[in-house]
Amino acid sequence: MQNKWKEIAVSALALCVIAGVATAALAGTNALTANTIAEQNAAIENAARKQVIDADTFEEKTLTADGKEVVYYEALKGGAAVGYVFTATTSGKSSGLVIMTGIGTDGTITGVKVTADNETAGYVDKVTKDGLLDRFAGKTAEKFQLGSNIDGVSQATKTSKGVTDGVNKAVAYYQSIRGGTAQ
């Protein structure tokens, strides 16, 4: 019986040592790669921003909307502000539709992109291929309503509404930093 307890203790100690070594290896790897991962994520995010507005660099800023702090980016080209990039989370057919919107300093929408979604497969592709995201480009940043001043996509109505809601949030953010209100 005493040998059995000794075997259990030795096995438990061996497992603790193995777990400790594995934890130290993971922590070390994380410490060594954290900056590289952060730089790669920043480059990916900037590339996405450049898809909605033509800019060289982006400066992070914040505003307060509905009592919450919202992060947005001022787009700079040649050191001068050319617009803003806002990201908003909305719901389409499912929850978790993330919409990035570029708005120029003149109040013109420069681009719209879905950066993440939890939609049923095919719906975001449908609204993208049918041109909903492109329909916003060149329009004045004002409140949009499906069927009124923007046409949705047939058979993807809820996703079209979610995209429109995301753009409307961006318009409201833009209006708040420019001193106006979205209508």
C-alpha atoms as a PDB file:
ATOM      1  CA  MET A   1       0.000   0.000   0.000  1.00  0.00           C
ATOM      2  CA  GLN A   2       2.841   2.356   0.831  1.00  0.00           C
ATOM      3  CA  ASN A   3       4.434   1.748  -2.605  1.00  0.00           C
ATOM      4  CA  LYS A   4       1.177   2.688  -4.280  1.00  0.00           C
ATOM      5  CA  TRP A   5       1.134   6.101  -2.517  1.00  0.00           C
ATOM      6  CA  LYS A   6       4.760   6.600  -3.452  1.00  0.00           C
ATOM      7  CA  GLU A   7       3.950   5.863  -7.134  1.00  0.00           C
ATOM      8  CA  ILE A   8       1.039   8.303  -7.026  1.00  0.00           C
ATOM      9  CA  ALA A   9       3.211  11.021  -5.461  1.00  0.00           C
ATOM     10  CA  VAL A  10       5.989  10.520  -8.025  1.00  0.00           C
ATOM     11  CA  SER A  11       3.477  10.587 -10.910  1.00  0.00           C
ATOM     12  CA  ALA A  12       1.820  13.731  -9.532  1.00  0.00           C
ATOM     13  CA  LEU A  13       5.199  15.439  -9.120  1.00  0.00           C
ATOM     14  CA  ALA A  14       6.206  14.464 -12.657  1.00  0.00           C
ATOM     15  CA  LEU A  15       2.948  15.893 -14.030  1.00  0.00           C
ATOM     16  CA  CYS A  16       3.475  19.131 -12.079  1.00  0.00           C
ATOM     17  CA  VAL A  17       7.015  19.488 -13.480  1.00  0.00           C
ATOM     18  CA  ILE A  18       5.785  18.808 -17.042  1.00  0.00           C
ATOM     19  CA  ALA A  19       2.932  21.321 -16.633  1.00  0.00           C
ATOM     20  CA  GLY A  20       5.341  23.916 -15.222  1.00  0.00           C
ATOM     21  CA  VAL A  21       7.791  23.497 -18.099  1.00  0.00           C
ATOM     22  CA  ALA A  22       4.983  23.688 -20.677  1.00  0.00           C
ATOM     23  CA  THR A  23       3.566  26.819 -19.021  1.00  0.00           C
ATOM     24  CA  ALA A  24       6.987  28.475 -18.955  1.00  0.00           C
ATOM     25  CA  ALA A  25       7.544  27.601 -22.629  1.00  0.00           C
ATOM     26  CA  LEU A  26       4.165  29.078 -23.619  1.00  0.00           C
ATOM     27  CA  ALA A  27       4.743  32.222 -21.536  1.00  0.00           C
ATOM     28  CA  GLY A  28       8.188  32.664 -23.076  1.00  0.00           C
ATOM     29  CA  THR A  29       6.856  32.201 -26.599  1.00  0.00           C
ATOM     30  CA  ASN A  30       4.088  34.703 -25.911  1.00  0.00           C
ATOM     31  CA  ALA A  31       6.566  37.251 -24.569  1.00  0.00           C
ATOM     32  CA  LEU A  32       8.838  36.815 -27.587  1.00  0.00           C
ATOM     33  CA  THR A  33       6.059  37.095 -30.180  1.00  0.00           C
ATOM     34  CA  ALA A  34       3.670  39.619 -28.580  1.00  0.00           C
ATOM     35  CA  ASN A  35       5.179  42.672 -30.325  1.00  0.00           C
ATOM     36  CA  THR A  36       5.334  40.923 -33.696  1.00  0.00           C
ATOM     37  CA  ILE A  37       1.712  39.821 -33.407  1.00  0.00           C
ATOM     38  CA  ALA A  38       0.621  43.338 -32.391  1.00  0.00           C
ATOM     39  CA  GLU A  39       2.485  44.836 -35.374  1.00  0.00           C
ATOM     40  CA  GLN A  40       0.894  42.326 -37.769  1.00  0.00           C
ATOM     41  CA  ASN A  41      -2.591  43.014 -36.359  1.00  0.00           C
ATOM     42  CA  ALA A  42      -2.043  46.771 -36.725  1.00  0.00           C
ATOM     43  CA  ALA A  43      -0.936  46.293 -40.345  1.00  0.00           C
ATOM     44  CA  ILE A  44      -4.034  44.180 -41.088  1.00  0.00           C
ATOM     45  CA  GLU A  45      -6.310  46.782 -39.474  1.00  0.00           C
ATOM     46  CA  ASN A  46      -4.659  49.622 -41.420  1.00  0.00           C
ATOM     47  CA  ALA A  47      -5.017  47.665 -44.666  1.00  0.00           C
ATOM     48  CA  ALA A  48      -8.745  47.288 -43.950  1.00  0.00           C
ATOM     49  CA  ARG A  49      -9.034  51.029 -43.237  1.00  0.00           C
ATOM     50  CA  LYS A  50      -7.284  51.809 -46.522  1.00  0.00           C
ATOM     51  CA  GLN A  51     -10.013  49.845 -48.296  1.00  0.00           C
ATOM     52  CA  VAL A  52     -12.645  52.356 -47.126  1.00  0.00           C
ATOM     53  CA  ILE A  53     -10.669  55.605 -47.494  1.00  0.00           C
ATOM     54  CA  ASP A  54      -7.568  56.666 -49.392  1.00  0.00           C
ATOM     55  CA  ALA A  55      -5.047  57.616 -46.698  1.00  0.00           C
ATOM     56  CA  ASP A  56      -1.399  57.115 -45.749  1.00  0.00           C
ATOM     57  CA  THR A  57      -1.811  56.826 -41.986  1.00  0.00           C
ATOM     58  CA  PHE A  58      -4.500  56.684 -39.336  1.00  0.00           C
ATOM     59  CA  GLU A  59      -4.564  58.398 -35.957  1.00  0.00           C
ATOM     60  CA  GLU A  60      -6.641  56.793 -33.204  1.00  0.00           C
ATOM     61  CA  LYS A  61      -9.165  59.095 -31.548  1.00  0.00           C
ATOM     62  CA  THR A  62     -12.156  58.680 -29.238  1.00  0.00           C
ATOM     63  CA  LEU A  63     -15.584  60.207 -28.870  1.00  0.00           C
ATOM     64  CA  THR A  64     -18.430  59.660 -26.449  1.00  0.00           C
ATOM     65  CA  ALA A  65     -21.722  58.421 -27.876  1.00  0.00           C
ATOM     66  CA  ASP A  66     -24.683  57.284 -25.783  1.00  0.00           C
ATOM     67  CA  GLY A  67     -22.487  57.415 -22.687  1.00  0.00           C
ATOM     68  CA  LYS A  68     -19.903  55.035 -24.179  1.00  0.00           C
ATOM     69  CA  GLU A  69     -16.435  55.760 -25.453  1.00  0.00           C
ATOM     70  CA  VAL A  70     -16.092  54.986 -29.171  1.00  0.00           C
ATOM     71  CA  VAL A  71     -12.735  54.558 -30.917  1.00  0.00           C
ATOM     72  CA  TYR A  72     -12.442  55.921 -34.449  1.00  0.00           C
ATOM     73  CA  TYR A  73      -9.563  56.835 -36.733  1.00  0.00           C
ATOM     74  CA  GLU A  74      -8.706  60.101 -38.394  1.00  0.00           C
ATOM     75  CA  ALA A  75      -7.380  59.367 -41.893  1.00  0.00           C
ATOM     76  CA  LEU A  76      -4.323  61.381 -42.923  1.00  0.00           C
ATOM     77  CA  LYS A  77      -2.761  61.819 -46.345  1.00  0.00           C
ATOM     78  CA  GLY A  78       0.413  63.863 -46.652  1.00  0.00           C
ATOM     79  CA  GLY A  79      -0.105  64.897 -43.022  1.00  0.00           C
ATOM     80  CA  ALA A  80      -3.520  66.449 -43.697  1.00  0.00           C
ATOM     81  CA  ALA A  81      -6.831  65.035 -42.497  1.00  0.00           C
ATOM     82  CA  VAL A  82      -8.837  63.545 -45.366  1.00  0.00           C
ATOM     83  CA  GLY A  83     -11.549  61.826 -43.365  1.00  0.00           C
ATOM     84  CA  TYR A  84     -12.484  59.346 -40.681  1.00  0.00           C
ATOM     85  CA  VAL A  85     -12.971  55.615 -40.282  1.00  0.00           C
ATOM     86  CA  PHE A  86     -15.649  54.311 -37.938  1.00  0.00           C
ATOM     87  CA  THR A  87     -16.395  50.711 -37.006  1.00  0.00           C
ATOM     88  CA  ALA A  88     -19.816  49.727 -35.703  1.00  0.00           C
ATOM     89  CA  THR A  89     -21.292  46.418 -34.589  1.00  0.00           C
ATOM     90  CA  THR A  90     -24.889  45.712 -35.577  1.00  0.00           C
ATOM     91  CA  SER A  91     -27.219  42.792 -36.141  1.00  0.00           C
ATOM     92  CA  GLY A  92     -28.352  41.478 -39.493  1.00  0.00           C
ATOM     93  CA  LYS A  93     -29.954  38.077 -39.818  1.00  0.00           C
ATOM     94  CA  SER A  94     -27.759  37.121 -36.848  1.00  0.00           C
ATOM     95  CA  SER A  95     -25.836  39.181 -34.314  1.00  0.00           C
ATOM     96  CA  GLY A  96     -22.252  40.267 -34.741  1.00  0.00           C
ATOM     97  CA  LEU A  97     -22.130  42.154 -38.037  1.00  0.00           C
ATOM     98  CA  VAL A  98     -19.123  44.529 -37.923  1.00  0.00           C
ATOM     99  CA  ILE A  99     -19.238  47.388 -40.440  1.00  0.00           C
ATOM    100  CA  MET A 100     -16.302  49.704 -41.214  1.00  0.00           C
ATOM    101  CA  THR A 101     -17.234  53.005 -42.871  1.00  0.00           C
ATOM    102  CA  GLY A 102     -14.965  55.694 -44.298  1.00  0.00           C
ATOM    103  CA  ILE A 103     -16.267  59.261 -44.425  1.00  0.00           C
ATOM    104  CA  GLY A 104     -14.309  62.119 -46.016  1.00  0.00           C
ATOM    105  CA  THR A 105     -13.879  65.488 -44.332  1.00  0.00           C
ATOM    106  CA  ASP A 106     -16.406  66.853 -46.844  1.00  0.00           C
ATOM    107  CA  GLY A 107     -19.064  64.464 -45.485  1.00  0.00           C
ATOM    108  CA  THR A 108     -18.986  62.025 -48.406  1.00  0.00           C
ATOM    109  CA  ILE A 109     -18.943  58.305 -47.710  1.00  0.00           C
ATOM    110  CA  THR A 110     -15.750  56.939 -49.232  1.00  0.00           C
ATOM    111  CA  GLY A 111     -16.294  53.238 -48.617  1.00  0.00           C
ATOM    112  CA  VAL A 112     -18.018  50.535 -46.592  1.00  0.00           C
ATOM    113  CA  LYS A 113     -16.643  47.113 -45.663  1.00  0.00           C
ATOM    114  CA  VAL A 114     -17.905  44.189 -43.586  1.00  0.00           C
ATOM    115  CA  THR A 115     -14.903  43.288 -41.422  1.00  0.00           C
ATOM    116  CA  ALA A 116     -16.499  40.472 -39.417  1.00  0.00           C
ATOM    117  CA  ASP A 117     -19.826  38.709 -39.333  1.00  0.00           C
ATOM    118  CA  ASN A 118     -21.791  35.920 -37.750  1.00  0.00           C
ATOM    119  CA  GLU A 119     -24.379  35.820 -40.524  1.00  0.00           C
ATOM    120  CA  THR A 120     -25.790  32.718 -42.134  1.00  0.00           C
ATOM    121  CA  ALA A 121     -23.365  31.602 -44.847  1.00  0.00           C
ATOM    122  CA  GLY A 122     -23.788  33.495 -48.092  1.00  0.00           C
ATOM    123  CA  TYR A 123     -25.691  36.566 -46.921  1.00  0.00           C
ATOM    124  CA  VAL A 124     -22.690  38.902 -46.614  1.00  0.00           C
ATOM    125  CA  ASP A 125     -21.393  37.608 -49.951  1.00  0.00           C
ATOM    126  CA  LYS A 126     -24.806  38.315 -51.479  1.00  0.00           C
ATOM    127  CA  VAL A 127     -24.988  41.931 -50.274  1.00  0.00           C
ATOM    128  CA  THR A 128     -21.380  42.475 -51.345  1.00  0.00           C
ATOM    129  CA  LYS A 129     -21.780  40.922 -54.814  1.00  0.00           C
ATOM    130  CA  ASP A 130     -25.107  42.674 -55.380  1.00  0.00           C
ATOM    131  CA  GLY A 131     -23.419  46.034 -54.701  1.00  0.00           C
ATOM    132  CA  LEU A 132     -24.976  47.209 -51.449  1.00  0.00           C
ATOM    133  CA  LEU A 133     -21.635  48.267 -49.950  1.00  0.00           C
ATOM    134  CA  ASP A 134     -20.733  50.165 -53.135  1.00  0.00           C
ATOM    135  CA  ARG A 135     -24.087  52.012 -53.167  1.00  0.00           C
ATOM    136  CA  PHE A 136     -23.054  54.050 -50.129  1.00  0.00           C
ATOM    137  CA  ALA A 137     -19.817  55.332 -51.725  1.00  0.00           C
ATOM    138  CA  GLY A 138     -20.110  58.906 -52.958  1.00  0.00           C
ATOM    139  CA  LYS A 139     -23.278  59.618 -50.990  1.00  0.00           C
ATOM    140  CA  THR A 140     -23.520  62.384 -48.418  1.00  0.00           C
ATOM    141  CA  ALA A 141     -23.214  61.149 -44.848  1.00  0.00           C
ATOM    142  CA  GLU A 142     -26.846  61.314 -43.781  1.00  0.00           C
ATOM    143  CA  LYS A 143     -29.176  58.819 -42.198  1.00  0.00           C
ATOM    144  CA  PHE A 144     -29.998  56.018 -44.628  1.00  0.00           C
ATOM    145  CA  GLN A 145     -33.246  54.098 -44.832  1.00  0.00           C
ATOM    146  CA  LEU A 146     -33.671  50.980 -46.925  1.00  0.00           C
ATOM    147  CA  GLY A 147     -36.091  51.528 -49.787  1.00  0.00           C
ATOM    148  CA  SER A 148     -35.932  55.287 -49.386  1.00  0.00           C
ATOM    149  CA  ASN A 149     -32.444  56.647 -50.027  1.00  0.00           C
ATOM    150  CA  ILE A 150     -30.615  53.310 -50.341  1.00  0.00           C
ATOM    151  CA  ASP A 151     -31.734  50.107 -52.033  1.00  0.00           C
ATOM    152  CA  GLY A 152     -31.279  46.843 -50.164  1.00  0.00           C
ATOM    153  CA  VAL A 153     -30.590  43.402 -51.587  1.00  0.00           C
ATOM    154  CA  SER A 154     -33.478  41.059 -52.301  1.00  0.00           C
ATOM    155  CA  GLN A 155     -33.308  37.808 -50.300  1.00  0.00           C
ATOM    156  CA  ALA A 156     -30.847  39.397 -47.866  1.00  0.00           C
ATOM    157  CA  THR A 157     -33.095  42.045 -46.326  1.00  0.00           C
ATOM    158  CA  LYS A 158     -32.000  41.591 -42.698  1.00  0.00           C
ATOM    159  CA  THR A 159     -28.321  41.645 -43.623  1.00  0.00           C
ATOM    160  CA  SER A 160     -28.952  44.739 -45.802  1.00  0.00           C
ATOM    161  CA  LYS A 161     -30.633  46.387 -42.806  1.00  0.00           C
ATOM    162  CA  GLY A 162     -27.700  45.426 -40.555  1.00  0.00           C
ATOM    163  CA  VAL A 163     -25.200  46.967 -42.978  1.00  0.00           C
ATOM    164  CA  THR A 164     -27.349  50.103 -43.255  1.00  0.00           C
ATOM    165  CA  ASP A 165     -27.595  50.321 -39.458  1.00  0.00           C
ATOM    166  CA  GLY A 166     -23.795  50.093 -39.221  1.00  0.00           C
ATOM    167  CA  VAL A 167     -23.367  52.895 -41.747  1.00  0.00           C
ATOM    168  CA  ASN A 168     -25.977  54.954 -39.875  1.00  0.00           C
ATOM    169  CA  LYS A 169     -23.998  54.534 -36.641  1.00  0.00           C
ATOM    170  CA  ALA A 170     -20.886  55.770 -38.474  1.00  0.00           C
ATOM    171  CA  VAL A 171     -22.860  58.739 -39.842  1.00  0.00           C
ATOM    172  CA  ALA A 172     -24.038  59.582 -36.309  1.00  0.00           C
ATOM    173  CA  TYR A 173     -20.441  59.385 -35.022  1.00  0.00           C
ATOM    174  CA  TYR A 174     -19.275  61.593 -37.894  1.00  0.00           C
ATOM    175  CA  GLN A 175     -22.032  64.123 -37.212  1.00  0.00           C
ATOM    176  CA  SER A 176     -21.109  64.245 -33.518  1.00  0.00           C
ATOM    177  CA  ILE A 177     -17.441  65.064 -34.204  1.00  0.00           C
ATOM    178  CA  ARG A 178     -18.359  67.556 -36.941  1.00  0.00           C
ATOM    179  CA  GLY A 179     -20.851  69.301 -34.642  1.00  0.00           C
ATOM    180  CA  GLY A 180     -24.064  68.294 -36.389  1.00  0.00           C
ATOM    181  CA  THR A 181     -26.661  65.617 -35.950  1.00  0.00           C
ATOM    182  CA  ALA A 182     -27.686  62.756 -38.182  1.00  0.00           C
ATOM    183  CA  GLN A 183     -31.173  63.249 -39.548  1.00  0.00           C
END
